[in-house]
Amino acid sequence: MHLHIDDFSQDVARILLQLYMNFPRPQAVYVEDISGPDQLDEAGLHGKRHMACLGAMLWLAEEGYLRYQSTLYQEGIEQAVLSNRAFTLLTATSDTDPDPALPVSVQLERATLAEQFRTALAARDSTRISALVRHFLARAGA
């Protein structure tokens, strides 16, 4: 897969998870919190990676996964919150088989896409993150 698609998947997972962890409270989402520090060029412009992350935030909003009040220049978005559509997708159980040794309540929590995003991000498993984001987007389109 292309590196920019892997970066996009990482950004999408981090943005959605950050908003999920604070749902339903609107909050600012900063590019540097999602994609890491940026080095401005000699003209004072942000790098391609920074702008791609900001683009992912705006794309998620245009596609109806989140709402926000305004952009914070090119630093992020303000008063962002998940849409009902995204919240429903993130809290729905996925198709993975839960560990039968765990209590049912834990099995259900671990089966959600939000929890799987969290686990994959913590493990820095880019292949899994990309697969989960594709699964999330495919479910949204169905």
Protein backbone atom coordinates (compact mmCIF):
# COMPACT_ATOMS: atom_id res chain seq x y z
CA MET A 1 0.00 0.00 0.00
CA HIS A 2 1.15 3.57 -0.58
CA LEU A 3 2.71 5.45 2.32
CA HIS A 4 0.27 8.37 2.08
CA ILE A 5 -2.66 5.95 2.48
CA ASP A 6 -1.01 4.43 5.57
CA ASP A 7 -0.55 7.94 6.98
CA PHE A 8 -4.18 8.76 6.15
CA SER A 9 -5.35 5.59 7.94
CA GLN A 10 -3.27 6.43 11.02
CA ASP A 11 -4.66 9.98 11.06
CA VAL A 12 -8.26 8.85 10.64
CA ALA A 13 -7.95 6.29 13.43
CA ARG A 14 -6.36 8.84 15.81
CA ILE A 15 -8.88 11.59 14.99
CA LEU A 16 -11.89 9.31 15.43
CA LEU A 17 -10.54 7.76 18.61
CA GLN A 18 -9.72 11.15 20.15
CA LEU A 19 -13.25 12.38 19.48
CA TYR A 20 -14.74 9.08 20.68
CA MET A 21 -12.82 9.24 23.97
CA ASN A 22 -14.33 12.68 24.66
CA PHE A 23 -17.79 12.07 23.17
CA PRO A 24 -20.17 13.95 23.26
CA ARG A 25 -18.10 16.94 24.41
CA PRO A 26 -16.91 19.11 21.48
CA GLN A 27 -13.18 19.74 21.49
CA ALA A 28 -10.31 21.13 19.49
CA VAL A 29 -8.30 18.62 17.47
CA TYR A 30 -4.76 19.72 16.67
CA VAL A 31 -2.78 18.35 13.74
CA GLU A 32 0.40 18.01 15.82
CA ASP A 33 -1.46 15.83 18.35
CA ILE A 34 -2.47 13.50 15.52
CA SER A 35 0.52 13.40 13.15
CA GLY A 36 3.36 14.72 15.31
CA PRO A 37 5.46 17.88 15.24
CA ASP A 38 5.86 19.84 12.03
CA GLN A 39 8.80 21.82 10.72
CA LEU A 40 7.83 24.99 8.90
CA ASP A 41 9.82 25.62 5.74
CA GLU A 42 11.84 28.75 5.08
CA ALA A 43 8.69 30.54 3.86
CA GLY A 44 6.80 29.63 7.04
CA LEU A 45 4.60 27.02 5.35
CA HIS A 46 3.63 23.69 6.87
CA GLY A 47 5.02 20.44 5.46
CA LYS A 48 3.12 17.96 3.29
CA ARG A 49 2.52 15.56 6.21
CA HIS A 50 0.99 18.29 8.35
CA MET A 51 -1.28 19.45 5.53
CA ALA A 52 -2.30 15.86 4.73
CA CYS A 53 -3.41 15.37 8.34
CA LEU A 54 -5.42 18.59 8.24
CA GLY A 55 -6.89 17.35 4.96
CA ALA A 56 -7.94 14.11 6.67
CA MET A 57 -9.79 16.10 9.35
CA LEU A 58 -11.60 18.19 6.77
CA TRP A 59 -12.38 15.12 4.63
CA LEU A 60 -13.92 13.34 7.64
CA ALA A 61 -16.15 16.37 8.16
CA GLU A 62 -17.11 16.62 4.47
CA GLU A 63 -18.01 12.93 4.46
CA GLY A 64 -20.22 13.32 7.55
CA TYR A 65 -18.10 11.54 10.18
CA LEU A 66 -17.60 14.63 12.34
CA ARG A 67 -18.78 18.20 12.76
CA TYR A 68 -16.67 21.19 13.70
CA GLN A 69 -17.20 24.88 14.22
CA SER A 70 -14.12 26.34 12.51
CA THR A 71 -10.54 25.68 11.53
CA LEU A 72 -7.75 26.94 13.74
CA TYR A 73 -5.78 28.43 10.86
CA GLN A 74 -3.89 25.38 9.58
CA GLU A 75 -3.34 23.99 13.08
CA GLY A 76 -6.54 21.97 13.49
CA ILE A 77 -10.28 22.18 13.97
CA GLU A 78 -12.32 23.68 16.81
CA GLN A 79 -15.41 22.38 18.60
CA ALA A 80 -15.25 19.03 16.82
CA VAL A 81 -17.56 16.16 17.72
CA LEU A 82 -18.38 12.81 16.15
CA SER A 83 -21.51 12.59 14.06
CA ASN A 84 -24.17 10.06 15.00
CA ARG A 85 -23.07 8.01 12.00
CA ALA A 86 -19.45 7.78 13.18
CA PHE A 87 -20.41 7.13 16.81
CA THR A 88 -22.73 4.32 15.75
CA LEU A 89 -20.04 2.74 13.58
CA LEU A 90 -17.38 3.00 16.28
CA THR A 91 -19.58 1.44 18.96
CA ALA A 92 -20.95 -1.35 16.79
CA THR A 93 -19.45 -4.77 17.27
CA SER A 94 -17.16 -5.98 14.53
CA ASP A 95 -16.93 -9.37 12.92
CA THR A 96 -14.01 -10.60 15.04
CA ASP A 97 -14.39 -13.60 17.30
CA PRO A 98 -14.13 -12.56 20.97
CA ASP A 99 -12.08 -14.48 23.54
CA PRO A 100 -14.62 -16.84 25.17
CA ALA A 101 -12.60 -16.83 28.43
CA LEU A 102 -13.48 -13.17 29.02
CA PRO A 103 -16.72 -11.94 30.63
CA VAL A 104 -19.43 -11.09 28.10
CA SER A 105 -19.28 -7.36 28.92
CA VAL A 106 -15.53 -7.28 28.20
CA GLN A 107 -16.03 -9.31 25.01
CA LEU A 108 -18.58 -6.78 23.76
CA GLU A 109 -16.36 -3.79 24.58
CA ARG A 110 -13.31 -5.32 22.89
CA ALA A 111 -15.37 -6.18 19.82
CA THR A 112 -16.14 -2.52 19.04
CA LEU A 113 -14.24 -0.74 16.31
CA ALA A 114 -13.28 2.01 18.77
CA GLU A 115 -11.55 -0.50 21.02
CA GLN A 116 -9.90 -2.19 18.06
CA PHE A 117 -8.60 1.21 16.86
CA ARG A 118 -7.22 1.85 20.36
CA THR A 119 -5.51 -1.54 20.53
CA ALA A 120 -4.02 -1.30 17.03
CA LEU A 121 -2.73 2.25 17.65
CA ALA A 122 -1.18 1.22 20.97
CA ALA A 123 0.55 -1.70 19.22
CA ARG A 124 1.62 0.58 16.34
CA ASP A 125 0.29 -2.06 13.95
CA SER A 126 -0.05 -0.06 10.73
CA THR A 127 -1.36 -3.04 8.75
CA ARG A 128 -4.15 -3.59 11.28
CA ILE A 129 -4.93 0.14 11.49
CA SER A 130 -5.28 0.37 7.70
CA ALA A 131 -7.53 -2.69 7.65
CA LEU A 132 -9.73 -1.29 10.44
CA VAL A 133 -10.06 2.11 8.75
CA ARG A 134 -11.01 0.43 5.45
CA HIS A 135 -13.55 -1.70 7.34
CA PHE A 136 -14.95 1.41 9.08
CA LEU A 137 -15.28 3.32 5.80
CA ALA A 138 -16.78 0.32 4.00
CA ARG A 139 -19.42 -0.12 6.71
CA ALA A 140 -20.26 3.56 6.48
CA GLY A 141 -20.84 3.27 2.75
CA ALA A 142 -23.13 0.27 3.06
